[in-house]
Amino acid sequence: MDDLRAPMKLLQQDRRIALLAGVVFLLDQLTKLAVVRALEFNGDRM
C-alpha cells in the first residue's frame, strides 16, 4: 500500500511547487506591469 501512496505524495508536492511557481510568476508580471505604468505616468507628467 505504501508503494501506491508514495507517488501520490510526490504528485501533491509537485502540484504545490507548480502552484507556488505560478503565484510567483503572476506577482512578477504584476510588478513589471506596475513599474512600466509608473514609469509611463512619470514620463507623461514631465
PDB file of N, CA and C in Angstrom:
ATOM      1  N   MET A   1       0.827  -1.200   0.000  1.00  0.00           N
ATOM      2  CA  MET A   1       0.000   0.000   0.000  1.00  0.00           C
ATOM      3  C   MET A   1       0.870   1.263   0.000  1.00  0.00           C
ATOM      4  N   ASP A   2       2.018   1.184   0.649  1.00  0.00           N
ATOM      5  CA  ASP A   2       2.912   2.344   0.686  1.00  0.00           C
ATOM      6  C   ASP A   2       3.431   2.689  -0.713  1.00  0.00           C
ATOM      7  N   ASP A   3       3.585   1.648  -1.546  1.00  0.00           N
ATOM      8  CA  ASP A   3       4.094   1.877  -2.900  1.00  0.00           C
ATOM      9  C   ASP A   3       3.142   2.757  -3.704  1.00  0.00           C
ATOM     10  N   LEU A   4       1.846   2.629  -3.430  1.00  0.00           N
ATOM     11  CA  LEU A   4       0.858   3.432  -4.150  1.00  0.00           C
ATOM     12  C   LEU A   4       0.776   4.847  -3.578  1.00  0.00           C
ATOM     13  N   ARG A   5       1.057   4.977  -2.311  1.00  0.00           N
ATOM     14  CA  ARG A   5       0.928   6.289  -1.677  1.00  0.00           C
ATOM     15  C   ARG A   5       2.107   7.214  -1.977  1.00  0.00           C
ATOM     16  N   ALA A   6       3.283   6.630  -2.177  1.00  0.00           N
ATOM     17  CA  ALA A   6       4.476   7.451  -2.426  1.00  0.00           C
ATOM     18  C   ALA A   6       4.329   8.355  -3.661  1.00  0.00           C
ATOM     19  N   PRO A   7       3.909   7.805  -4.810  1.00  0.00           N
ATOM     20  CA  PRO A   7       3.739   8.680  -5.985  1.00  0.00           C
ATOM     21  C   PRO A   7       2.693   9.764  -5.754  1.00  0.00           C
ATOM     22  N   MET A   8       1.637   9.442  -5.017  1.00  0.00           N
ATOM     23  CA  MET A   8       0.598  10.431  -4.744  1.00  0.00           C
ATOM     24  C   MET A   8       1.163  11.586  -3.934  1.00  0.00           C
ATOM     25  N   LYS A   9       2.010  11.262  -2.969  1.00  0.00           N
ATOM     26  CA  LYS A   9       2.634  12.298  -2.147  1.00  0.00           C
ATOM     27  C   LYS A   9       3.518  13.185  -3.018  1.00  0.00           C
ATOM     28  N   LEU A  10       4.271  12.548  -3.920  1.00  0.00           N
ATOM     29  CA  LEU A  10       5.139  13.301  -4.826  1.00  0.00           C
ATOM     30  C   LEU A  10       4.311  14.195  -5.735  1.00  0.00           C
ATOM     31  N   LEU A  11       3.188  13.659  -6.208  1.00  0.00           N
ATOM     32  CA  LEU A  11       2.308  14.420  -7.093  1.00  0.00           C
ATOM     33  C   LEU A  11       1.771  15.647  -6.368  1.00  0.00           C
ATOM     34  N   GLN A  12       1.363  15.459  -5.116  1.00  0.00           N
ATOM     35  CA  GLN A  12       0.862  16.585  -4.326  1.00  0.00           C
ATOM     36  C   GLN A  12       1.944  17.635  -4.145  1.00  0.00           C
ATOM     37  N   GLN A  13       3.160  17.180  -3.876  1.00  0.00           N
ATOM     38  CA  GLN A  13       4.282  18.101  -3.681  1.00  0.00           C
ATOM     39  C   GLN A  13       4.551  18.871  -4.976  1.00  0.00           C
ATOM     40  N   ASP A  14       4.535  18.156  -6.095  1.00  0.00           N
ATOM     41  CA  ASP A  14       4.761  18.798  -7.391  1.00  0.00           C
ATOM     42  C   ASP A  14       3.692  19.845  -7.657  1.00  0.00           C
ATOM     43  N   ARG A  15       2.453  19.516  -7.303  1.00  0.00           N
ATOM     44  CA  ARG A  15       1.352  20.443  -7.535  1.00  0.00           C
ATOM     45  C   ARG A  15       1.543  21.707  -6.708  1.00  0.00           C
ATOM     46  N   ARG A  16       1.992  21.509  -5.451  1.00  0.00           N
ATOM     47  CA  ARG A  16       2.232  22.664  -4.578  1.00  0.00           C
ATOM     48  C   ARG A  16       3.337  23.542  -5.145  1.00  0.00           C
ATOM     49  N   ILE A  17       4.401  22.898  -5.628  1.00  0.00           N
ATOM     50  CA  ILE A  17       5.526  23.647  -6.202  1.00  0.00           C
ATOM     51  C   ILE A  17       5.071  24.389  -7.461  1.00  0.00           C
ATOM     52  N   ALA A  18       4.274  23.727  -8.284  1.00  0.00           N
ATOM     53  CA  ALA A  18       3.772  24.349  -9.504  1.00  0.00           C
ATOM     54  C   ALA A  18       2.879  25.539  -9.162  1.00  0.00           C
ATOM     55  N   LEU A  19       2.046  25.377  -8.150  1.00  0.00           N
ATOM     56  CA  LEU A  19       1.157  26.455  -7.716  1.00  0.00           C
ATOM     57  C   LEU A  19       1.979  27.638  -7.219  1.00  0.00           C
ATOM     58  N   LEU A  20       2.980  27.337  -6.422  1.00  0.00           N
ATOM     59  CA  LEU A  20       3.856  28.378  -5.877  1.00  0.00           C
ATOM     60  C   LEU A  20       4.574  29.103  -7.016  1.00  0.00           C
ATOM     61  N   ALA A  21       5.059  28.333  -7.977  1.00  0.00           N
ATOM     62  CA  ALA A  21       5.751  28.927  -9.123  1.00  0.00           C
ATOM     63  C   ALA A  21       4.799  29.826  -9.912  1.00  0.00           C
ATOM     64  N   GLY A  22       3.557  29.375 -10.062  1.00  0.00           N
ATOM     65  CA  GLY A  22       2.555  30.169 -10.772  1.00  0.00           C
ATOM     66  C   GLY A  22       2.267  31.478 -10.063  1.00  0.00           C
ATOM     67  N   VAL A  23       2.155  31.420  -8.750  1.00  0.00           N
ATOM     68  CA  VAL A  23       1.885  32.626  -7.958  1.00  0.00           C
ATOM     69  C   VAL A  23       3.056  33.597  -8.071  1.00  0.00           C
ATOM     70  N   VAL A  24       4.263  33.066  -7.948  1.00  0.00           N
ATOM     71  CA  VAL A  24       5.462  33.914  -8.055  1.00  0.00           C
ATOM     72  C   VAL A  24       5.527  34.549  -9.439  1.00  0.00           C
ATOM     73  N   PHE A  25       5.211  33.768 -10.468  1.00  0.00           N
ATOM     74  CA  PHE A  25       5.233  34.272 -11.839  1.00  0.00           C
ATOM     75  C   PHE A  25       4.226  35.407 -12.014  1.00  0.00           C
ATOM     76  N   LEU A  26       3.003  35.206 -11.485  1.00  0.00           N
ATOM     77  CA  LEU A  26       1.970  36.238 -11.587  1.00  0.00           C
ATOM     78  C   LEU A  26       2.387  37.504 -10.860  1.00  0.00           C
ATOM     79  N   LEU A  27       2.927  37.350  -9.655  1.00  0.00           N
ATOM     80  CA  LEU A  27       3.383  38.511  -8.887  1.00  0.00           C
ATOM     81  C   LEU A  27       4.475  39.249  -9.654  1.00  0.00           C
ATOM     82  N   ASP A  28       5.374  38.500 -10.264  1.00  0.00           N
ATOM     83  CA  ASP A  28       6.459  39.096 -11.039  1.00  0.00           C
ATOM     84  C   ASP A  28       5.899  39.897 -12.211  1.00  0.00           C
ATOM     85  N   GLN A  29       4.928  39.320 -12.913  1.00  0.00           N
ATOM     86  CA  GLN A  29       4.312  40.002 -14.052  1.00  0.00           C
ATOM     87  C   GLN A  29       3.604  41.275 -13.603  1.00  0.00           C
ATOM     88  N   LEU A  30       2.867  41.185 -12.492  1.00  0.00           N
ATOM     89  CA  LEU A  30       2.153  42.353 -11.975  1.00  0.00           C
ATOM     90  C   LEU A  30       3.125  43.446 -11.570  1.00  0.00           C
ATOM     91  N   THR A  31       4.221  43.053 -10.957  1.00  0.00           N
ATOM     92  CA  THR A  31       5.227  44.034 -10.530  1.00  0.00           C
ATOM     93  C   THR A  31       5.817  44.740 -11.745  1.00  0.00           C
ATOM     94  N   LYS A  32       6.141  43.979 -12.788  1.00  0.00           N
ATOM     95  CA  LYS A  32       6.696  44.571 -14.004  1.00  0.00           C
ATOM     96  C   LYS A  32       5.687  45.538 -14.620  1.00  0.00           C
ATOM     97  N   LEU A  33       4.431  45.125 -14.668  1.00  0.00           N
ATOM     98  CA  LEU A  33       3.380  45.962 -15.230  1.00  0.00           C
ATOM     99  C   LEU A  33       3.257  47.254 -14.432  1.00  0.00           C
ATOM    100  N   ALA A  34       3.286  47.139 -13.112  1.00  0.00           N
ATOM    101  CA  ALA A  34       3.171  48.314 -12.240  1.00  0.00           C
ATOM    102  C   ALA A  34       4.351  49.259 -12.464  1.00  0.00           C
ATOM    103  N   VAL A  35       5.548  48.696 -12.602  1.00  0.00           N
ATOM    104  CA  VAL A  35       6.742  49.525 -12.825  1.00  0.00           C
ATOM    105  C   VAL A  35       6.636  50.248 -14.162  1.00  0.00           C
ATOM    106  N   VAL A  36       6.212  49.528 -15.194  1.00  0.00           N
ATOM    107  CA  VAL A  36       6.067  50.136 -16.523  1.00  0.00           C
ATOM    108  C   VAL A  36       5.033  51.248 -16.474  1.00  0.00           C
ATOM    109  N   ARG A  37       3.905  50.990 -15.817  1.00  0.00           N
ATOM    110  CA  ARG A  37       2.851  52.002 -15.692  1.00  0.00           C
ATOM    111  C   ARG A  37       3.361  53.238 -14.964  1.00  0.00           C
ATOM    112  N   ALA A  38       4.091  53.008 -13.866  1.00  0.00           N
ATOM    113  CA  ALA A  38       4.622  54.115 -13.063  1.00  0.00           C
ATOM    114  C   ALA A  38       5.601  54.945 -13.893  1.00  0.00           C
ATOM    115  N   LEU A  39       6.452  54.272 -14.658  1.00  0.00           N
ATOM    116  CA  LEU A  39       7.420  54.989 -15.493  1.00  0.00           C
ATOM    117  C   LEU A  39       6.703  55.795 -16.574  1.00  0.00           C
ATOM    118  N   GLU A  40       5.686  55.207 -17.192  1.00  0.00           N
ATOM    119  CA  GLU A  40       4.924  55.909 -18.223  1.00  0.00           C
ATOM    120  C   GLU A  40       4.222  57.122 -17.628  1.00  0.00           C
ATOM    121  N   PHE A  41       3.651  56.939 -16.451  1.00  0.00           N
ATOM    122  CA  PHE A  41       2.932  58.012 -15.768  1.00  0.00           C
ATOM    123  C   PHE A  41       3.879  59.158 -15.452  1.00  0.00           C
ATOM    124  N   ASN A  42       5.056  58.832 -14.935  1.00  0.00           N
ATOM    125  CA  ASN A  42       6.055  59.851 -14.606  1.00  0.00           C
ATOM    126  C   ASN A  42       6.555  60.534 -15.880  1.00  0.00           C
ATOM    127  N   GLY A  43       6.681  59.767 -16.950  1.00  0.00           N
ATOM    128  CA  GLY A  43       7.136  60.333 -18.217  1.00  0.00           C
ATOM    129  C   GLY A  43       6.123  61.318 -18.774  1.00  0.00           C
ATOM    130  N   ASP A  44       4.826  61.014 -18.640  1.00  0.00           N
ATOM    131  CA  ASP A  44       3.776  61.904 -19.131  1.00  0.00           C
ATOM    132  C   ASP A  44       3.734  63.203 -18.340  1.00  0.00           C
ATOM    133  N   ARG A  45       4.008  63.121 -17.063  1.00  0.00           N
ATOM    134  CA  ARG A  45       3.917  64.303 -16.204  1.00  0.00           C
ATOM    135  C   ARG A  45       5.044  65.300 -16.462  1.00  0.00           C
ATOM    136  N   MET A  46       6.202  64.803 -16.891  1.00  0.00           N
ATOM    137  CA  MET A  46       7.363  65.696 -17.035  1.00  0.00           C
ATOM    138  C   MET A  46       7.216  66.632 -18.228  1.00  0.00           C
TER     139      MET A  46
END
